[in-house]
Every structure is written in structure tokens, then in C-alpha cells.
Amino acid sequence: MNLLYKSTRNSEKTVTASEAILKGLADDGGLFVPESIPKLDVTLDELKGMSYQETAYAVMKQFFTDFTEEELKHCINSAYDSKFDTEVIAPLVKVGDTYHLELFHGATIAFKDMALSILPHLLITSAKKNNVKNEIVILTATSGDTGKAALAGFADVPTQDSVDAMRKVFEERRNYLVERMNQIEGVSCLKPDGAFYVMMNLEKLIGRTLGGRVIRNADDFAMAFLEKGLVAVVSCCAFDAPNFVRWTYATSLETIKEGLDRLEKFLRGA
């Protein structure tokens, strides 16, 4: 018998486990919860002798009832493998008179690895089960440990063709911007490893007059360049870096080329 899931805001409309995974949130904004809490069909003594993967299957099969045994075991074995630095995955360690369950052996050393290592495999399997043809792209915020764990979980999952293509485009733009900018007299930059900004060093321009303004800091340069070159760059004075302005490469290569052409023209005073 299939276990169905309902919204915390509406108990009448139900979905399967795979549908709940694909949706994330219910249509009404509620969280998905099971209609009932299933019982394990193994004893605690039996669980005690199982591996982490076997235990995971014994528990998860009760909640993911629309997954086949093969599908669910594939998800579990793909998630809880050599990404963890111990075969036990989550060892129970005795310290003094207290037992501690260690949940920091995953890819990011965060306990979120326990759930987020299997999420991509459940998501891909759910998509196949529900005939979803669209490619799945995951966007995360990395200010805390959850985003990083989510990124790590999806890192080696073979569904990232569009992401890889996007990364290559950004890499091409970044490389062009950095190489070309370092060929322009009076300015320079370092090549960033990530993000989508290049910080242009204008220290050699300080004290010069450009576009009718004396350049004392990045604020002056940004305003003069906007007025005369018709290019908007971000002053880094507010970031305590008064000799830098920020360029983005989250735009087309043609736009980047045009911006650099205008920079050269602006610096020549043409």
C-alpha cells in the first residue's frame, strides 16, 4: 500500500513520495508530511547488525513506497559511498559515559550531508518515474552549511550538461576580460577563481584628469567613465578599496568587448 503525502495547509490533496520530492513545497505553500507514520518491519536487534546502507533502506522503504527496491537501493548506495571518510558513514562513538553519533564525515563536514547526499539521486529517480523531461538545475545560496552541502551533493551527479555549458561561457568571458584589461595601459586586474566580477586596479590613474574630472578615487573614475564613456562600473570605495572598480562578466561577450573598447577610448581622451 502506497504511503501518500499531504500539505500542512490542506489535508485533502495528496501526492506520492516522488511527486513530493519533485515539488519541494505543496502548491498552497505548505510542507509535505506523510498521512501516517509507518512502522518498521525489522526489530532493533536486527537493525543493530545492519550496515548504514541497509538501515537506510529498512527505514526509507516505508516512506518511499512508490520507489522500487532497485531504485531506492541505487539512490542509497550512490549517496553513502566513498564521499564519506568512513565506511560506517555515521559512527556511534563513546566518550566517557556518553555516546555521540558523529554526523560530520560527509563531503562538507556538515550534518546536512546526511540528507543532501541522497537528495539528488532521489530527485533524478523521481523525475524519471514521473516522466519529467526537463533538465534539473539546482541554484543554492552558500552563506551557510546547507547551500554548500547541497552543492557537494549534486557535484558528481550526471545531470549538469547545461550548468557545465554555462560555466564554460562564463570562463570564456572572464578570460577575455582579464587578458584584454591587462593589455590596456594604466589599468590592471587579477583573474578571479569564481563569482562573476573582475576588480580593475586604477591606482596608476589617481591624480590624472579624465573626462574633465580629477581622479582621486574609484568614485571619481566611475562617474567620469559613466558621463564620458557611457559605461557603468561599480566603485569599490564602499568596500574599502578606493583604487578599484568592479566589472561584471555576467553579460554577453559582445557587450564586454564594447565596454573595453570604450575604456581604451576614454583613457586616450578621445
Protein backbone atom coordinates (compact mmCIF):
# COMPACT_ATOMS: atom_id res chain seq x y z
CA MET A 1 0.00 0.00 0.00
CA ASN A 2 1.38 3.38 -1.05
CA LEU A 3 2.08 5.97 1.61
CA LEU A 4 0.83 9.35 0.41
CA TYR A 5 1.83 12.85 1.44
CA LYS A 6 -0.39 15.82 2.24
CA SER A 7 0.19 19.53 2.70
CA THR A 8 0.35 21.00 6.18
CA ARG A 9 -2.18 23.54 4.87
CA ASN A 10 -4.54 21.16 3.09
CA SER A 11 -5.02 17.51 4.02
CA GLU A 12 -7.37 16.71 1.14
CA LYS A 13 -4.95 16.79 -1.81
CA THR A 14 -2.31 14.05 -1.66
CA VAL A 15 0.75 13.13 -3.71
CA THR A 16 3.20 10.23 -3.84
CA ALA A 17 6.68 10.44 -2.35
CA SER A 18 8.29 11.01 -5.75
CA GLU A 19 5.81 13.77 -6.57
CA ALA A 20 6.51 15.44 -3.23
CA ILE A 21 10.26 15.31 -3.90
CA LEU A 22 9.81 16.96 -7.30
CA LYS A 23 7.53 19.68 -5.99
CA GLY A 24 9.51 20.54 -2.85
CA LEU A 25 6.64 22.61 -1.47
CA ALA A 26 2.94 21.96 -1.92
CA ASP A 27 1.03 24.16 -4.36
CA ASP A 28 -0.52 26.02 -1.42
CA GLY A 29 2.91 26.76 0.09
CA GLY A 30 2.65 24.11 2.80
CA LEU A 31 5.13 21.40 3.68
CA PHE A 32 4.58 17.81 2.66
CA VAL A 33 4.07 15.35 5.53
CA PRO A 34 3.07 11.67 5.39
CA GLU A 35 -0.58 10.87 6.01
CA SER A 36 0.55 8.42 8.69
CA ILE A 37 3.82 7.33 10.27
CA PRO A 38 4.68 3.81 9.12
CA LYS A 39 6.11 1.12 11.37
CA LEU A 40 9.42 -0.62 10.78
CA ASP A 41 9.17 -4.27 9.82
CA VAL A 42 12.50 -5.14 11.48
CA THR A 43 13.43 -5.33 15.15
CA LEU A 44 16.00 -3.16 16.91
CA ASP A 45 18.20 -6.24 17.30
CA GLU A 46 18.10 -6.73 13.54
CA LEU A 47 18.87 -3.06 12.92
CA LYS A 48 21.86 -3.30 15.25
CA GLY A 49 23.55 -5.74 12.90
CA MET A 50 22.88 -3.81 9.69
CA SER A 51 25.20 -1.50 7.77
CA TYR A 52 24.25 2.16 7.36
CA GLN A 53 23.02 1.46 3.82
CA GLU A 54 20.91 -1.50 4.97
CA THR A 55 19.44 0.55 7.81
CA ALA A 56 18.67 3.40 5.42
CA TYR A 57 16.78 1.03 3.14
CA ALA A 58 14.84 -0.56 6.01
CA VAL A 59 13.63 2.89 7.09
CA MET A 60 13.24 4.65 3.74
CA LYS A 61 11.27 1.89 2.02
CA GLN A 62 8.47 2.56 4.50
CA PHE A 63 8.27 6.22 3.40
CA PHE A 64 9.14 5.97 -0.30
CA THR A 65 6.59 3.35 -1.23
CA ASP A 66 6.34 4.29 -4.91
CA PHE A 67 10.07 3.55 -5.37
CA THR A 68 11.08 0.03 -6.35
CA GLU A 69 13.63 -1.80 -4.25
CA GLU A 70 16.19 -1.43 -7.04
CA GLU A 71 15.59 2.31 -7.37
CA LEU A 72 15.80 3.02 -3.67
CA LYS A 73 18.91 0.90 -3.11
CA HIS A 74 20.60 2.59 -6.06
CA CYS A 75 19.90 6.01 -4.52
CA ILE A 76 21.20 4.90 -1.13
CA ASN A 77 24.35 3.22 -2.43
CA SER A 78 25.13 6.18 -4.70
CA ALA A 79 24.77 8.63 -1.83
CA TYR A 80 26.51 6.88 1.04
CA ASP A 81 29.77 5.80 -0.53
CA SER A 82 33.39 6.97 -0.61
CA LYS A 83 32.26 10.62 -0.33
CA PHE A 84 32.20 9.87 3.39
CA ASP A 85 35.56 9.39 5.09
CA THR A 86 34.42 6.31 6.98
CA GLU A 87 32.64 3.20 5.74
CA VAL A 88 30.41 3.37 8.81
CA ILE A 89 29.05 6.72 7.47
CA ALA A 90 27.71 7.81 10.89
CA PRO A 91 29.73 6.11 13.65
CA LEU A 92 28.46 5.94 17.21
CA VAL A 93 31.37 6.86 19.48
CA LYS A 94 31.53 6.53 23.23
CA VAL A 95 33.22 9.39 25.09
CA GLY A 96 33.29 8.80 28.82
CA ASP A 97 29.80 7.70 29.77
CA THR A 98 28.15 9.36 26.78
CA TYR A 99 27.55 8.07 23.27
CA HIS A 100 27.86 10.51 20.36
CA LEU A 101 26.52 9.95 16.85
CA GLU A 102 29.05 11.58 14.52
CA LEU A 103 27.39 13.28 11.55
CA PHE A 104 30.43 15.15 10.23
CA HIS A 105 32.07 12.57 7.97
CA GLY A 106 30.49 13.80 4.71
CA ALA A 107 31.89 15.92 1.90
CA THR A 108 31.44 19.25 3.71
CA ILE A 109 31.77 18.06 7.33
CA ALA A 110 28.24 19.38 7.98
CA PHE A 111 25.44 17.20 9.30
CA LYS A 112 23.42 18.40 6.28
CA ASP A 113 25.49 15.98 4.18
CA MET A 114 23.44 13.13 5.64
CA ALA A 115 20.28 14.24 3.84
CA LEU A 116 21.67 16.24 0.94
CA SER A 117 23.93 13.45 -0.30
CA ILE A 118 20.90 11.39 -1.28
CA LEU A 119 18.60 14.20 -2.42
CA PRO A 120 19.99 14.48 -5.99
CA HIS A 121 19.59 10.74 -6.55
CA LEU A 122 16.04 10.78 -5.21
CA LEU A 123 15.28 13.81 -7.37
CA ILE A 124 16.61 12.26 -10.57
CA THR A 125 14.80 8.98 -9.91
CA SER A 126 11.58 10.87 -9.14
CA ALA A 127 11.89 12.79 -12.40
CA LYS A 128 12.22 9.57 -14.39
CA LYS A 129 9.29 7.99 -12.56
CA ASN A 130 7.07 10.96 -13.38
CA ASN A 131 8.27 11.35 -16.99
CA VAL A 132 9.83 14.76 -16.37
CA LYS A 133 11.96 15.54 -19.42
CA ASN A 134 13.24 18.99 -18.41
CA GLU A 135 16.79 19.21 -17.19
CA ILE A 136 17.12 19.86 -13.46
CA VAL A 137 19.28 22.82 -12.45
CA ILE A 138 19.99 23.47 -8.78
CA LEU A 139 20.64 27.00 -7.51
CA THR A 140 21.77 27.36 -3.91
CA ALA A 141 22.73 30.13 -1.51
CA THR A 142 26.09 29.34 0.06
CA SER A 143 26.09 31.65 3.08
CA GLY A 144 25.77 28.69 5.44
CA ASP A 145 26.41 24.98 5.52
CA THR A 146 23.17 23.96 3.81
CA GLY A 147 23.98 25.51 0.43
CA LYS A 148 27.48 24.08 0.40
CA ALA A 149 26.20 20.63 1.31
CA ALA A 150 23.61 20.83 -1.47
CA LEU A 151 26.28 21.80 -4.00
CA ALA A 152 28.51 18.95 -2.86
CA GLY A 153 25.62 16.51 -3.10
CA PHE A 154 24.93 17.42 -6.72
CA ALA A 155 28.59 17.77 -7.71
CA ASP A 156 29.11 14.35 -9.28
CA VAL A 157 25.57 13.64 -10.42
CA PRO A 158 25.44 13.29 -14.23
CA THR A 159 22.71 15.88 -14.91
CA GLN A 160 24.73 19.06 -15.29
CA ASP A 161 25.20 19.50 -19.04
CA SER A 162 23.57 22.93 -19.08
CA VAL A 163 25.46 24.01 -15.96
CA ASP A 164 28.78 22.94 -17.46
CA ALA A 165 27.96 24.80 -20.66
CA MET A 166 27.07 27.90 -18.63
CA ARG A 167 30.31 27.65 -16.67
CA LYS A 168 32.34 27.45 -19.90
CA VAL A 169 30.65 30.57 -21.24
CA PHE A 170 31.42 32.48 -18.03
CA GLU A 171 35.00 31.20 -18.13
CA GLU A 172 35.42 32.44 -21.72
CA ARG A 173 34.07 35.87 -20.81
CA ARG A 174 36.24 36.11 -17.70
CA ASN A 175 39.41 35.11 -19.55
CA TYR A 176 38.77 37.59 -22.34
CA LEU A 177 38.04 40.42 -19.89
CA VAL A 178 41.14 39.75 -17.80
CA GLU A 179 43.52 39.32 -20.75
CA ARG A 180 42.25 42.37 -22.60
CA MET A 181 42.13 44.60 -19.49
CA ASN A 182 45.75 43.80 -18.63
CA GLN A 183 46.77 44.97 -22.11
CA ILE A 184 45.30 48.43 -21.54
CA GLU A 185 47.82 50.98 -20.26
CA GLY A 186 47.06 52.42 -16.84
CA VAL A 187 44.80 49.65 -15.53
CA SER A 188 45.22 46.03 -14.46
CA CYS A 189 43.37 43.17 -12.76
CA LEU A 190 43.82 39.72 -11.29
CA LYS A 191 41.96 36.70 -12.61
CA PRO A 192 39.23 35.64 -10.16
CA ASP A 193 38.65 31.96 -9.49
CA GLY A 194 34.89 32.33 -9.19
CA ALA A 195 32.00 34.79 -8.89
CA PHE A 196 31.32 36.95 -11.95
CA TYR A 197 33.25 40.12 -11.21
CA VAL A 198 36.68 41.44 -12.16
CA MET A 199 38.21 44.11 -9.94
CA MET A 200 40.05 46.69 -12.06
CA ASN A 201 43.01 48.40 -10.39
CA LEU A 202 43.14 52.08 -11.35
CA GLU A 203 45.92 53.14 -8.97
CA LYS A 204 48.02 54.45 -11.86
CA LEU A 205 45.19 56.78 -12.85
CA ILE A 206 44.98 58.54 -9.49
CA GLY A 207 45.77 62.24 -9.92
CA ARG A 208 45.07 62.25 -13.66
CA THR A 209 42.28 64.27 -15.23
CA LEU A 210 39.89 62.13 -17.25
CA GLY A 211 36.60 63.22 -18.73
CA GLY A 212 37.02 66.64 -17.16
CA ARG A 213 37.41 65.21 -13.64
CA VAL A 214 40.45 64.83 -11.42
CA ILE A 215 40.55 61.15 -10.49
CA ARG A 216 41.11 60.97 -6.72
CA ASN A 217 39.46 57.60 -6.17
CA ALA A 218 37.16 54.99 -7.70
CA ASP A 219 34.09 57.19 -7.19
CA ASP A 220 35.58 59.88 -9.44
CA PHE A 221 36.58 57.36 -12.09
CA ALA A 222 33.19 55.64 -12.12
CA MET A 223 31.35 58.95 -12.53
CA ALA A 224 33.70 60.24 -15.23
CA PHE A 225 33.57 56.96 -17.14
CA LEU A 226 29.77 56.93 -16.96
CA GLU A 227 29.46 60.52 -18.18
CA LYS A 228 32.02 60.37 -20.99
CA GLY A 229 32.37 56.68 -21.82
CA LEU A 230 28.72 55.79 -21.17
CA VAL A 231 29.79 52.67 -19.28
CA ALA A 232 28.63 51.89 -15.75
CA VAL A 233 31.17 50.30 -13.41
CA VAL A 234 30.85 49.91 -9.64
CA SER A 235 33.16 51.92 -7.41
CA CYS A 236 34.72 49.88 -4.61
CA CYS A 237 35.16 52.83 -2.25
CA ALA A 238 32.32 51.47 -0.13
CA PHE A 239 34.24 48.18 0.15
CA ASP A 240 37.32 49.98 1.50
CA ALA A 241 39.09 49.56 -1.85
CA PRO A 242 39.18 53.14 -3.22
CA ASN A 243 41.55 52.29 -6.10
CA PHE A 244 39.30 49.63 -7.65
CA VAL A 245 36.17 49.47 -9.72
CA ARG A 246 34.15 46.35 -10.42
CA TRP A 247 33.36 44.97 -13.87
CA THR A 248 30.90 42.16 -14.41
CA TYR A 249 31.17 39.38 -16.95
CA ALA A 250 27.57 38.27 -16.39
CA THR A 251 26.74 39.79 -19.76
CA SER A 252 27.46 38.95 -23.38
CA LEU A 253 30.98 38.79 -24.77
CA GLU A 254 30.00 41.43 -27.32
CA THR A 255 28.99 43.82 -24.53
CA ILE A 256 32.27 43.16 -22.69
CA LYS A 257 34.26 43.91 -25.86
CA GLU A 258 32.32 47.14 -26.41
CA GLY A 259 32.91 48.19 -22.81
CA LEU A 260 36.66 47.63 -23.09
CA ASP A 261 36.79 49.47 -26.43
CA ARG A 262 35.16 52.42 -24.69
CA LEU A 263 37.60 52.15 -21.79
CA GLU A 264 40.58 52.42 -24.14
CA LYS A 265 39.00 55.38 -25.90
CA PHE A 266 38.18 57.07 -22.58
CA LEU A 267 41.74 56.67 -21.28
CA ARG A 268 43.19 58.08 -24.50
CA GLY A 269 40.98 61.14 -24.02
CA ALA A 270 39.42 60.63 -27.41
